[in-house]
Structures are given as C-alpha cells and as structure tokens.
Amino acid sequence: MPRYRVMVDDNFHYHEEEERREQGTFGTLEEALSACRRIVDEFLEQEYKPGIKSEALYERYLSFGEDPFIVVLDGAGEPATFSAWSYAKERCHIIAGNIGP
C-alpha cells in the first residue's frame, strides 16, 4: 500500500533544505492533501486581519508561510501534485472576501 509523506519547507528560508521538516506520513493521498491544506489554511487564518487585501495576504504567505508538499513512498501510488502557492492564492481571495482567483 502506498504511503504519502508530507514535508514542509519554510518560505522565509526558501531553498534551505536544513529548514525542511516532516509533518507526517499518511495512508492515503486524500489524507496527505488534507494535511497540506490545513497547514496553509492555518497560516492564512492567523495572518488575516479585517480589511487586508487578498494580494497583501498572499504576499505575507509567500514571505513567511509554510510550503507543504507530498512525497510518495513505497513505490507507485497516485501522483501527488499539490501546489501550496496556488492553493494559498485561491484561499487568499476567499478569506479576504474577494471574488475569483
């Protein structure tokens, strides 16, 4: 059975692998995706302030947020494609009350 490991990079330390951490290992792709979304959502909810524009919230994420990604373990499993940056951009528009991505 394939497993999925969620790893997390720190946008503040972009390209610094020593700052990378493991979030956990999950039995299904959906569990791993859920963990990734939760990491991004928690940051955005913490950083949101009334009146902030979606672009400003997204810039804060790009500068200081966490960038989770999925690694497929144990050979062939479903491809694990998740872009935290794309997900964060979509969520910023929703959280900040704007319409559309």
PDB file of N, CA and C in Angstrom:
ATOM      1  N   MET A   1       0.842  -1.187   0.000  1.00  0.00           N
ATOM      2  CA  MET A   1       0.000   0.000   0.000  1.00  0.00           C
ATOM      3  C   MET A   1       0.880   1.241   0.000  1.00  0.00           C
ATOM      4  N   PRO A   2       0.670   2.133  -0.934  1.00  0.00           N
ATOM      5  CA  PRO A   2       1.485   3.347  -0.964  1.00  0.00           C
ATOM      6  C   PRO A   2       1.187   4.239   0.239  1.00  0.00           C
ATOM      7  N   ARG A   3       2.195   4.916   0.655  1.00  0.00           N
ATOM      8  CA  ARG A   3       2.041   5.906   1.719  1.00  0.00           C
ATOM      9  C   ARG A   3       2.532   7.240   1.185  1.00  0.00           C
ATOM     10  N   TYR A   4       2.091   8.284   1.858  1.00  0.00           N
ATOM     11  CA  TYR A   4       2.399   9.636   1.408  1.00  0.00           C
ATOM     12  C   TYR A   4       2.979  10.436   2.571  1.00  0.00           C
ATOM     13  N   ARG A   5       4.160  10.965   2.372  1.00  0.00           N
ATOM     14  CA  ARG A   5       4.813  11.765   3.404  1.00  0.00           C
ATOM     15  C   ARG A   5       4.646  13.242   3.064  1.00  0.00           C
ATOM     16  N   VAL A   6       4.206  14.010   4.045  1.00  0.00           N
ATOM     17  CA  VAL A   6       4.089  15.449   3.865  1.00  0.00           C
ATOM     18  C   VAL A   6       5.324  16.100   4.472  1.00  0.00           C
ATOM     19  N   MET A   7       6.031  16.826   3.620  1.00  0.00           N
ATOM     20  CA  MET A   7       7.200  17.587   4.031  1.00  0.00           C
ATOM     21  C   MET A   7       6.837  19.065   3.945  1.00  0.00           C
ATOM     22  N   VAL A   8       7.516  19.883   4.757  1.00  0.00           N
ATOM     23  CA  VAL A   8       7.172  21.300   4.806  1.00  0.00           C
ATOM     24  C   VAL A   8       8.437  22.143   4.709  1.00  0.00           C
ATOM     25  N   ASP A   9       8.459  22.983   3.692  1.00  0.00           N
ATOM     26  CA  ASP A   9       9.518  23.977   3.557  1.00  0.00           C
ATOM     27  C   ASP A   9       9.018  25.288   4.149  1.00  0.00           C
ATOM     28  N   ASP A  10       9.934  26.133   4.506  1.00  0.00           N
ATOM     29  CA  ASP A  10       9.628  27.436   5.094  1.00  0.00           C
ATOM     30  C   ASP A  10       9.900  28.493   4.031  1.00  0.00           C
ATOM     31  N   ASN A  11       8.866  29.227   3.628  1.00  0.00           N
ATOM     32  CA  ASN A  11       9.057  30.239   2.583  1.00  0.00           C
ATOM     33  C   ASN A  11      10.070  31.307   2.987  1.00  0.00           C
ATOM     34  N   PHE A  12      10.184  31.583   4.279  1.00  0.00           N
ATOM     35  CA  PHE A  12      11.157  32.576   4.745  1.00  0.00           C
ATOM     36  C   PHE A  12      12.592  32.103   4.495  1.00  0.00           C
ATOM     37  N   HIS A  13      12.773  30.780   4.479  1.00  0.00           N
ATOM     38  CA  HIS A  13      14.091  30.180   4.240  1.00  0.00           C
ATOM     39  C   HIS A  13      14.060  29.391   2.931  1.00  0.00           C
ATOM     40  N   TYR A  14      13.600  30.035   1.882  1.00  0.00           N
ATOM     41  CA  TYR A  14      13.441  29.404   0.575  1.00  0.00           C
ATOM     42  C   TYR A  14      14.756  28.771   0.115  1.00  0.00           C
ATOM     43  N   HIS A  15      14.687  27.537  -0.347  1.00  0.00           N
ATOM     44  CA  HIS A  15      15.827  26.758  -0.845  1.00  0.00           C
ATOM     45  C   HIS A  15      16.824  26.372   0.244  1.00  0.00           C
ATOM     46  N   GLU A  16      16.436  26.408   1.501  1.00  0.00           N
ATOM     47  CA  GLU A  16      17.311  25.979   2.590  1.00  0.00           C
ATOM     48  C   GLU A  16      16.765  24.666   3.144  1.00  0.00           C
ATOM     49  N   GLU A  17      17.278  23.549   2.595  1.00  0.00           N
ATOM     50  CA  GLU A  17      16.760  22.237   2.962  1.00  0.00           C
ATOM     51  C   GLU A  17      16.910  21.918   4.441  1.00  0.00           C
ATOM     52  N   GLU A  18      17.875  22.532   5.113  1.00  0.00           N
ATOM     53  CA  GLU A  18      18.043  22.265   6.544  1.00  0.00           C
ATOM     54  C   GLU A  18      16.879  22.828   7.363  1.00  0.00           C
ATOM     55  N   GLU A  19      16.068  23.691   6.764  1.00  0.00           N
ATOM     56  CA  GLU A  19      14.885  24.243   7.429  1.00  0.00           C
ATOM     57  C   GLU A  19      13.637  23.397   7.167  1.00  0.00           C
ATOM     58  N   ARG A  20      13.759  22.374   6.346  1.00  0.00           N
ATOM     59  CA  ARG A  20      12.640  21.494   5.998  1.00  0.00           C
ATOM     60  C   ARG A  20      12.302  20.593   7.188  1.00  0.00           C
ATOM     61  N   ARG A  21      11.007  20.322   7.346  1.00  0.00           N
ATOM     62  CA  ARG A  21      10.575  19.412   8.400  1.00  0.00           C
ATOM     63  C   ARG A  21       9.549  18.437   7.852  1.00  0.00           C
ATOM     64  N   GLU A  22       9.376  17.334   8.552  1.00  0.00           N
ATOM     65  CA  GLU A  22       8.372  16.339   8.179  1.00  0.00           C
ATOM     66  C   GLU A  22       7.118  16.574   9.003  1.00  0.00           C
ATOM     67  N   GLN A  23       5.975  16.659   8.334  1.00  0.00           N
ATOM     68  CA  GLN A  23       4.692  16.822   9.023  1.00  0.00           C
ATOM     69  C   GLN A  23       4.137  15.481   9.461  1.00  0.00           C
ATOM     70  N   GLY A  24       4.290  14.476   8.595  1.00  0.00           N
ATOM     71  CA  GLY A  24       3.779  13.151   8.932  1.00  0.00           C
ATOM     72  C   GLY A  24       3.649  12.286   7.705  1.00  0.00           C
ATOM     73  N   THR A  25       3.292  11.023   7.947  1.00  0.00           N
ATOM     74  CA  THR A  25       3.086  10.053   6.878  1.00  0.00           C
ATOM     75  C   THR A  25       1.628   9.612   6.933  1.00  0.00           C
ATOM     76  N   PHE A  26       1.011   9.527   5.757  1.00  0.00           N
ATOM     77  CA  PHE A  26      -0.414   9.265   5.661  1.00  0.00           C
ATOM     78  C   PHE A  26      -0.664   8.079   4.747  1.00  0.00           C
ATOM     79  N   GLY A  27      -1.735   7.341   5.019  1.00  0.00           N
ATOM     80  CA  GLY A  27      -2.052   6.145   4.256  1.00  0.00           C
ATOM     81  C   GLY A  27      -2.696   6.414   2.916  1.00  0.00           C
ATOM     82  N   THR A  28      -3.333   7.569   2.781  1.00  0.00           N
ATOM     83  CA  THR A  28      -3.994   7.892   1.506  1.00  0.00           C
ATOM     84  C   THR A  28      -3.562   9.267   1.012  1.00  0.00           C
ATOM     85  N   LEU A  29      -3.714   9.446  -0.277  1.00  0.00           N
ATOM     86  CA  LEU A  29      -3.396  10.735  -0.868  1.00  0.00           C
ATOM     87  C   LEU A  29      -4.317  11.815  -0.312  1.00  0.00           C
ATOM     88  N   GLU A  30      -5.592  11.500  -0.131  1.00  0.00           N
ATOM     89  CA  GLU A  30      -6.535  12.499   0.371  1.00  0.00           C
ATOM     90  C   GLU A  30      -6.150  12.969   1.771  1.00  0.00           C
ATOM     91  N   GLU A  31      -5.670  12.076   2.618  1.00  0.00           N
ATOM     92  CA  GLU A  31      -5.215  12.472   3.957  1.00  0.00           C
ATOM     93  C   GLU A  31      -4.012  13.405   3.866  1.00  0.00           C
ATOM     94  N   ALA A  32      -3.107  13.101   2.959  1.00  0.00           N
ATOM     95  CA  ALA A  32      -1.921  13.940   2.784  1.00  0.00           C
ATOM     96  C   ALA A  32      -2.309  15.315   2.235  1.00  0.00           C
ATOM     97  N   LEU A  33      -3.212  15.334   1.268  1.00  0.00           N
ATOM     98  CA  LEU A  33      -3.688  16.611   0.724  1.00  0.00           C
ATOM     99  C   LEU A  33      -4.377  17.448   1.794  1.00  0.00           C
ATOM    100  N   SER A  34      -5.161  16.795   2.614  1.00  0.00           N
ATOM    101  CA  SER A  34      -5.855  17.481   3.695  1.00  0.00           C
ATOM    102  C   SER A  34      -4.865  18.109   4.672  1.00  0.00           C
ATOM    103  N   ALA A  35      -3.806  17.390   4.980  1.00  0.00           N
ATOM    104  CA  ALA A  35      -2.773  17.925   5.879  1.00  0.00           C
ATOM    105  C   ALA A  35      -2.099  19.148   5.258  1.00  0.00           C
ATOM    106  N   CYS A  36      -1.827  19.093   3.972  1.00  0.00           N
ATOM    107  CA  CYS A  36      -1.204  20.233   3.279  1.00  0.00           C
ATOM    108  C   CYS A  36      -2.125  21.446   3.307  1.00  0.00           C
ATOM    109  N   ARG A  37      -3.382  21.216   2.997  1.00  0.00           N
ATOM    110  CA  ARG A  37      -4.337  22.333   3.000  1.00  0.00           C
ATOM    111  C   ARG A  37      -4.463  22.943   4.392  1.00  0.00           C
ATOM    112  N   ARG A  38      -4.492  22.101   5.399  1.00  0.00           N
ATOM    113  CA  ARG A  38      -4.621  22.569   6.781  1.00  0.00           C
ATOM    114  C   ARG A  38      -3.435  23.468   7.175  1.00  0.00           C
ATOM    115  N   ILE A  39      -2.240  23.098   6.770  1.00  0.00           N
ATOM    116  CA  ILE A  39      -1.044  23.894   7.078  1.00  0.00           C
ATOM    117  C   ILE A  39      -1.173  25.291   6.478  1.00  0.00           C
ATOM    118  N   VAL A  40      -1.568  25.353   5.212  1.00  0.00           N
ATOM    119  CA  VAL A  40      -1.716  26.645   4.538  1.00  0.00           C
ATOM    120  C   VAL A  40      -2.860  27.440   5.166  1.00  0.00           C
ATOM    121  N   ASP A  41      -3.997  26.790   5.377  1.00  0.00           N
ATOM    122  CA  ASP A  41      -5.159  27.478   5.946  1.00  0.00           C
ATOM    123  C   ASP A  41      -4.873  28.048   7.329  1.00  0.00           C
ATOM    124  N   GLU A  42      -4.167  27.303   8.154  1.00  0.00           N
ATOM    125  CA  GLU A  42      -3.857  27.795   9.498  1.00  0.00           C
ATOM    126  C   GLU A  42      -3.016  29.067   9.445  1.00  0.00           C
ATOM    127  N   PHE A  43      -2.046  29.105   8.556  1.00  0.00           N
ATOM    128  CA  PHE A  43      -1.234  30.311   8.424  1.00  0.00           C
ATOM    129  C   PHE A  43      -2.084  31.488   7.956  1.00  0.00           C
ATOM    130  N   LEU A  44      -2.882  31.273   6.921  1.00  0.00           N
ATOM    131  CA  LEU A  44      -3.678  32.364   6.358  1.00  0.00           C
ATOM    132  C   LEU A  44      -4.703  32.886   7.365  1.00  0.00           C
ATOM    133  N   GLU A  45      -5.321  31.986   8.113  1.00  0.00           N
ATOM    134  CA  GLU A  45      -6.293  32.412   9.116  1.00  0.00           C
ATOM    135  C   GLU A  45      -5.623  33.207  10.231  1.00  0.00           C
ATOM    136  N   GLN A  46      -4.423  32.815  10.583  1.00  0.00           N
ATOM    137  CA  GLN A  46      -3.674  33.535  11.623  1.00  0.00           C
ATOM    138  C   GLN A  46      -3.253  34.928  11.139  1.00  0.00           C
ATOM    139  N   GLU A  47      -2.887  35.040   9.882  1.00  0.00           N
ATOM    140  CA  GLU A  47      -2.389  36.296   9.329  1.00  0.00           C
ATOM    141  C   GLU A  47      -3.489  37.246   8.871  1.00  0.00           C
ATOM    142  N   TYR A  48      -4.694  36.720   8.682  1.00  0.00           N
ATOM    143  CA  TYR A  48      -5.783  37.558   8.190  1.00  0.00           C
ATOM    144  C   TYR A  48      -6.160  38.616   9.226  1.00  0.00           C
ATOM    145  N   LYS A  49      -6.299  39.826   8.740  1.00  0.00           N
ATOM    146  CA  LYS A  49      -6.791  40.950   9.539  1.00  0.00           C
ATOM    147  C   LYS A  49      -7.907  41.611   8.739  1.00  0.00           C
ATOM    148  N   PRO A  50      -8.989  42.042   9.387  1.00  0.00           N
ATOM    149  CA  PRO A  50     -10.071  42.695   8.642  1.00  0.00           C
ATOM    150  C   PRO A  50      -9.527  43.840   7.791  1.00  0.00           C
ATOM    151  N   GLY A  51      -9.981  43.883   6.553  1.00  0.00           N
ATOM    152  CA  GLY A  51      -9.578  44.940   5.639  1.00  0.00           C
ATOM    153  C   GLY A  51      -8.350  44.636   4.801  1.00  0.00           C
ATOM    154  N   ILE A  52      -7.621  43.561   5.131  1.00  0.00           N
ATOM    155  CA  ILE A  52      -6.433  43.234   4.336  1.00  0.00           C
ATOM    156  C   ILE A  52      -6.866  42.782   2.946  1.00  0.00           C
ATOM    157  N   LYS A  53      -6.156  43.207   1.950  1.00  0.00           N
ATOM    158  CA  LYS A  53      -6.444  42.796   0.577  1.00  0.00           C
ATOM    159  C   LYS A  53      -5.854  41.411   0.334  1.00  0.00           C
ATOM    160  N   SER A  54      -6.495  40.670  -0.576  1.00  0.00           N
ATOM    161  CA  SER A  54      -6.037  39.309  -0.848  1.00  0.00           C
ATOM    162  C   SER A  54      -4.584  39.286  -1.317  1.00  0.00           C
ATOM    163  N   GLU A  55      -4.180  40.289  -2.093  1.00  0.00           N
ATOM    164  CA  GLU A  55      -2.806  40.346  -2.593  1.00  0.00           C
ATOM    165  C   GLU A  55      -1.810  40.514  -1.442  1.00  0.00           C
ATOM    166  N   ALA A  56      -2.169  41.329  -0.453  1.00  0.00           N
ATOM    167  CA  ALA A  56      -1.288  41.545   0.696  1.00  0.00           C
ATOM    168  C   ALA A  56      -1.194  40.280   1.546  1.00  0.00           C
ATOM    169  N   LEU A  57      -2.314  39.589   1.718  1.00  0.00           N
ATOM    170  CA  LEU A  57      -2.310  38.340   2.480  1.00  0.00           C
ATOM    171  C   LEU A  57      -1.447  37.297   1.767  1.00  0.00           C
ATOM    172  N   TYR A  58      -1.576  37.239   0.444  1.00  0.00           N
ATOM    173  CA  TYR A  58      -0.777  36.293  -0.335  1.00  0.00           C
ATOM    174  C   TYR A  58       0.716  36.623  -0.248  1.00  0.00           C
ATOM    175  N   GLU A  59       1.058  37.881  -0.295  1.00  0.00           N
ATOM    176  CA  GLU A  59       2.465  38.287  -0.159  1.00  0.00           C
ATOM    177  C   GLU A  59       3.023  37.863   1.207  1.00  0.00           C
ATOM    178  N   ARG A  60       2.218  37.994   2.258  1.00  0.00           N
ATOM    179  CA  ARG A  60       2.653  37.545   3.594  1.00  0.00           C
ATOM    180  C   ARG A  60       2.910  36.034   3.573  1.00  0.00           C
ATOM    181  N   TYR A  61       2.016  35.310   2.893  1.00  0.00           N
ATOM    182  CA  TYR A  61       2.205  33.865   2.797  1.00  0.00           C
ATOM    183  C   TYR A  61       3.511  33.545   2.063  1.00  0.00           C
ATOM    184  N   LEU A  62       3.724  34.189   0.925  1.00  0.00           N
ATOM    185  CA  LEU A  62       4.943  33.920   0.153  1.00  0.00           C
ATOM    186  C   LEU A  62       6.201  34.257   0.940  1.00  0.00           C
ATOM    187  N   SER A  63       6.119  35.241   1.811  1.00  0.00           N
ATOM    188  CA  SER A  63       7.291  35.654   2.586  1.00  0.00           C
ATOM    189  C   SER A  63       7.510  34.827   3.845  1.00  0.00           C
ATOM    190  N   PHE A  64       6.427  34.459   4.512  1.00  0.00           N
ATOM    191  CA  PHE A  64       6.567  33.871   5.849  1.00  0.00           C
ATOM    192  C   PHE A  64       5.835  32.552   6.060  1.00  0.00           C
ATOM    193  N   GLY A  65       5.023  32.120   5.111  1.00  0.00           N
ATOM    194  CA  GLY A  65       4.228  30.907   5.291  1.00  0.00           C
ATOM    195  C   GLY A  65       5.029  29.636   5.095  1.00  0.00           C
ATOM    196  N   GLU A  66       4.353  28.519   5.330  1.00  0.00           N
ATOM    197  CA  GLU A  66       4.966  27.211   5.127  1.00  0.00           C
ATOM    198  C   GLU A  66       4.483  26.638   3.804  1.00  0.00           C
ATOM    199  N   ASP A  67       5.364  25.899   3.144  1.00  0.00           N
ATOM    200  CA  ASP A  67       5.130  25.369   1.805  1.00  0.00           C
ATOM    201  C   ASP A  67       5.141  23.842   1.848  1.00  0.00           C
ATOM    202  N   PRO A  68       3.987  23.231   2.183  1.00  0.00           N
ATOM    203  CA  PRO A  68       3.960  21.767   2.263  1.00  0.00           C
ATOM    204  C   PRO A  68       3.935  21.120   0.878  1.00  0.00           C
ATOM    205  N   PHE A  69       4.517  19.923   0.817  1.00  0.00           N
ATOM    206  CA  PHE A  69       4.467  19.144  -0.419  1.00  0.00           C
ATOM    207  C   PHE A  69       4.449  17.674  -0.049  1.00  0.00           C
ATOM    208  N   ILE A  70       4.090  16.838  -1.016  1.00  0.00           N
ATOM    209  CA  ILE A  70       3.868  15.413  -0.760  1.00  0.00           C
ATOM    210  C   ILE A  70       4.899  14.579  -1.502  1.00  0.00           C
ATOM    211  N   VAL A  71       5.445  13.595  -0.797  1.00  0.00           N
ATOM    212  CA  VAL A  71       6.369  12.629  -1.377  1.00  0.00           C
ATOM    213  C   VAL A  71       5.689  11.259  -1.315  1.00  0.00           C
ATOM    214  N   VAL A  72       5.625  10.564  -2.453  1.00  0.00           N
ATOM    215  CA  VAL A  72       5.029   9.231  -2.499  1.00  0.00           C
ATOM    216  C   VAL A  72       6.080   8.226  -2.043  1.00  0.00           C
ATOM    217  N   LEU A  73       5.716   7.415  -1.057  1.00  0.00           N
ATOM    218  CA  LEU A  73       6.617   6.380  -0.539  1.00  0.00           C
ATOM    219  C   LEU A  73       6.185   5.019  -1.061  1.00  0.00           C
ATOM    220  N   ASP A  74       7.013   4.035  -0.879  1.00  0.00           N
ATOM    221  CA  ASP A  74       6.671   2.644  -1.194  1.00  0.00           C
ATOM    222  C   ASP A  74       6.310   2.423  -2.654  1.00  0.00           C
ATOM    223  N   GLY A  75       6.994   3.091  -3.542  1.00  0.00           N
ATOM    224  CA  GLY A  75       6.775   2.821  -4.954  1.00  0.00           C
ATOM    225  C   GLY A  75       5.619   3.569  -5.555  1.00  0.00           C
ATOM    226  N   ALA A  76       4.918   2.892  -6.444  1.00  0.00           N
ATOM    227  CA  ALA A  76       3.899   3.553  -7.255  1.00  0.00           C
ATOM    228  C   ALA A  76       2.612   3.768  -6.471  1.00  0.00           C
ATOM    229  N   GLY A  77       2.268   4.999  -6.318  1.00  0.00           N
ATOM    230  CA  GLY A  77       0.980   5.388  -5.773  1.00  0.00           C
ATOM    231  C   GLY A  77       0.422   6.442  -6.695  1.00  0.00           C
ATOM    232  N   GLU A  78      -0.705   6.991  -6.318  1.00  0.00           N
ATOM    233  CA  GLU A  78      -1.249   8.088  -7.107  1.00  0.00           C
ATOM    234  C   GLU A  78      -0.242   9.226  -7.134  1.00  0.00           C
ATOM    235  N   PRO A  79      -0.085   9.888  -8.269  1.00  0.00           N
ATOM    236  CA  PRO A  79       0.806  11.049  -8.301  1.00  0.00           C
ATOM    237  C   PRO A  79       0.319  12.089  -7.288  1.00  0.00           C
ATOM    238  N   ALA A  80       1.241  12.659  -6.579  1.00  0.00           N
ATOM    239  CA  ALA A  80       0.899  13.604  -5.520  1.00  0.00           C
ATOM    240  C   ALA A  80       1.239  15.015  -5.968  1.00  0.00           C
ATOM    241  N   THR A  81       0.305  15.637  -6.634  1.00  0.00           N
ATOM    242  CA  THR A  81       0.537  17.000  -7.092  1.00  0.00           C
ATOM    243  C   THR A  81      -0.256  17.954  -6.214  1.00  0.00           C
ATOM    244  N   PHE A  82       0.454  18.796  -5.505  1.00  0.00           N
ATOM    245  CA  PHE A  82      -0.160  19.822  -4.675  1.00  0.00           C
ATOM    246  C   PHE A  82       0.748  21.035  -4.724  1.00  0.00           C
ATOM    247  N   SER A  83       0.191  22.161  -5.110  1.00  0.00           N
ATOM    248  CA  SER A  83       0.940  23.409  -5.109  1.00  0.00           C
ATOM    249  C   SER A  83       0.409  24.275  -3.980  1.00  0.00           C
ATOM    250  N   ALA A  84       1.187  24.392  -2.915  1.00  0.00           N
ATOM    251  CA  ALA A  84       0.779  25.216  -1.781  1.00  0.00           C
ATOM    252  C   ALA A  84       0.616  26.668  -2.213  1.00  0.00           C
ATOM    253  N   TRP A  85       1.455  27.140  -3.103  1.00  0.00           N
ATOM    254  CA  TRP A  85       1.374  28.532  -3.545  1.00  0.00           C
ATOM    255  C   TRP A  85       0.075  28.792  -4.297  1.00  0.00           C
ATOM    256  N   SER A  86      -0.315  27.878  -5.184  1.00  0.00           N
ATOM    257  CA  SER A  86      -1.580  28.030  -5.917  1.00  0.00           C
ATOM    258  C   SER A  86      -2.765  27.938  -4.967  1.00  0.00           C
ATOM    259  N   TYR A  87      -2.713  26.972  -4.069  1.00  0.00           N
ATOM    260  CA  TYR A  87      -3.790  26.813  -3.094  1.00  0.00           C
ATOM    261  C   TYR A  87      -3.907  28.068  -2.224  1.00  0.00           C
ATOM    262  N   ALA A  88      -2.787  28.596  -1.766  1.00  0.00           N
ATOM    263  CA  ALA A  88      -2.795  29.793  -0.920  1.00  0.00           C
ATOM    264  C   ALA A  88      -3.392  30.983  -1.674  1.00  0.00           C
ATOM    265  N   LYS A  89      -3.066  31.107  -2.939  1.00  0.00           N
ATOM    266  CA  LYS A  89      -3.592  32.231  -3.730  1.00  0.00           C
ATOM    267  C   LYS A  89      -5.121  32.157  -3.807  1.00  0.00           C
ATOM    268  N   GLU A  90      -5.642  30.964  -4.078  1.00  0.00           N
ATOM    269  CA  GLU A  90      -7.093  30.774  -4.127  1.00  0.00           C
ATOM    270  C   GLU A  90      -7.724  31.094  -2.776  1.00  0.00           C
ATOM    271  N   ARG A  91      -7.120  30.590  -1.712  1.00  0.00           N
ATOM    272  CA  ARG A  91      -7.664  30.785  -0.365  1.00  0.00           C
ATOM    273  C   ARG A  91      -7.609  32.249   0.053  1.00  0.00           C
ATOM    274  N   CYS A  92      -6.594  32.973  -0.358  1.00  0.00           N
ATOM    275  CA  CYS A  92      -6.496  34.398  -0.013  1.00  0.00           C
ATOM    276  C   CYS A  92      -7.689  35.165  -0.566  1.00  0.00           C
ATOM    277  N   HIS A  93      -8.103  34.850  -1.778  1.00  0.00           N
ATOM    278  CA  HIS A  93      -9.256  35.512  -2.373  1.00  0.00           C
ATOM    279  C   HIS A  93     -10.533  35.181  -1.609  1.00  0.00           C
ATOM    280  N   ILE A  94     -10.652  33.957  -1.157  1.00  0.00           N
ATOM    281  CA  ILE A  94     -11.841  33.563  -0.398  1.00  0.00           C
ATOM    282  C   ILE A  94     -11.821  34.190   0.992  1.00  0.00           C
ATOM    283  N   ILE A  95     -10.720  34.089   1.690  1.00  0.00           N
ATOM    284  CA  ILE A  95     -10.614  34.596   3.054  1.00  0.00           C
ATOM    285  C   ILE A  95     -10.755  36.112   3.103  1.00  0.00           C
ATOM    286  N   ALA A  96     -10.143  36.795   2.134  1.00  0.00           N
ATOM    287  CA  ALA A  96     -10.174  38.263   2.141  1.00  0.00           C
ATOM    288  C   ALA A  96     -11.474  38.803   1.539  1.00  0.00           C
ATOM    289  N   GLY A  97     -12.368  37.914   1.107  1.00  0.00           N
ATOM    290  CA  GLY A  97     -13.673  38.340   0.625  1.00  0.00           C
ATOM    291  C   GLY A  97     -13.710  38.792  -0.818  1.00  0.00           C
ATOM    292  N   ASN A  98     -12.671  38.505  -1.569  1.00  0.00           N
ATOM    293  CA  ASN A  98     -12.659  38.856  -2.984  1.00  0.00           C
ATOM    294  C   ASN A  98     -13.269  37.722  -3.793  1.00  0.00           C
ATOM    295  N   ILE A  99     -13.677  38.017  -4.990  1.00  0.00           N
ATOM    296  CA  ILE A  99     -14.280  37.009  -5.866  1.00  0.00           C
ATOM    297  C   ILE A  99     -13.265  36.610  -6.928  1.00  0.00           C
ATOM    298  N   GLY A 100     -13.150  35.318  -7.136  1.00  0.00           N
ATOM    299  CA  GLY A 100     -12.275  34.816  -8.189  1.00  0.00           C
ATOM    300  C   GLY A 100     -10.849  34.656  -7.720  1.00  0.00           C
ATOM    301  N   PRO A 101     -10.030  33.895  -8.461  1.00  0.00           N
ATOM    302  CA  PRO A 101      -8.624  33.660  -8.071  1.00  0.00           C
ATOM    303  C   PRO A 101      -7.734  34.843  -8.389  1.00  0.00           C
TER     304      PRO A 101
END
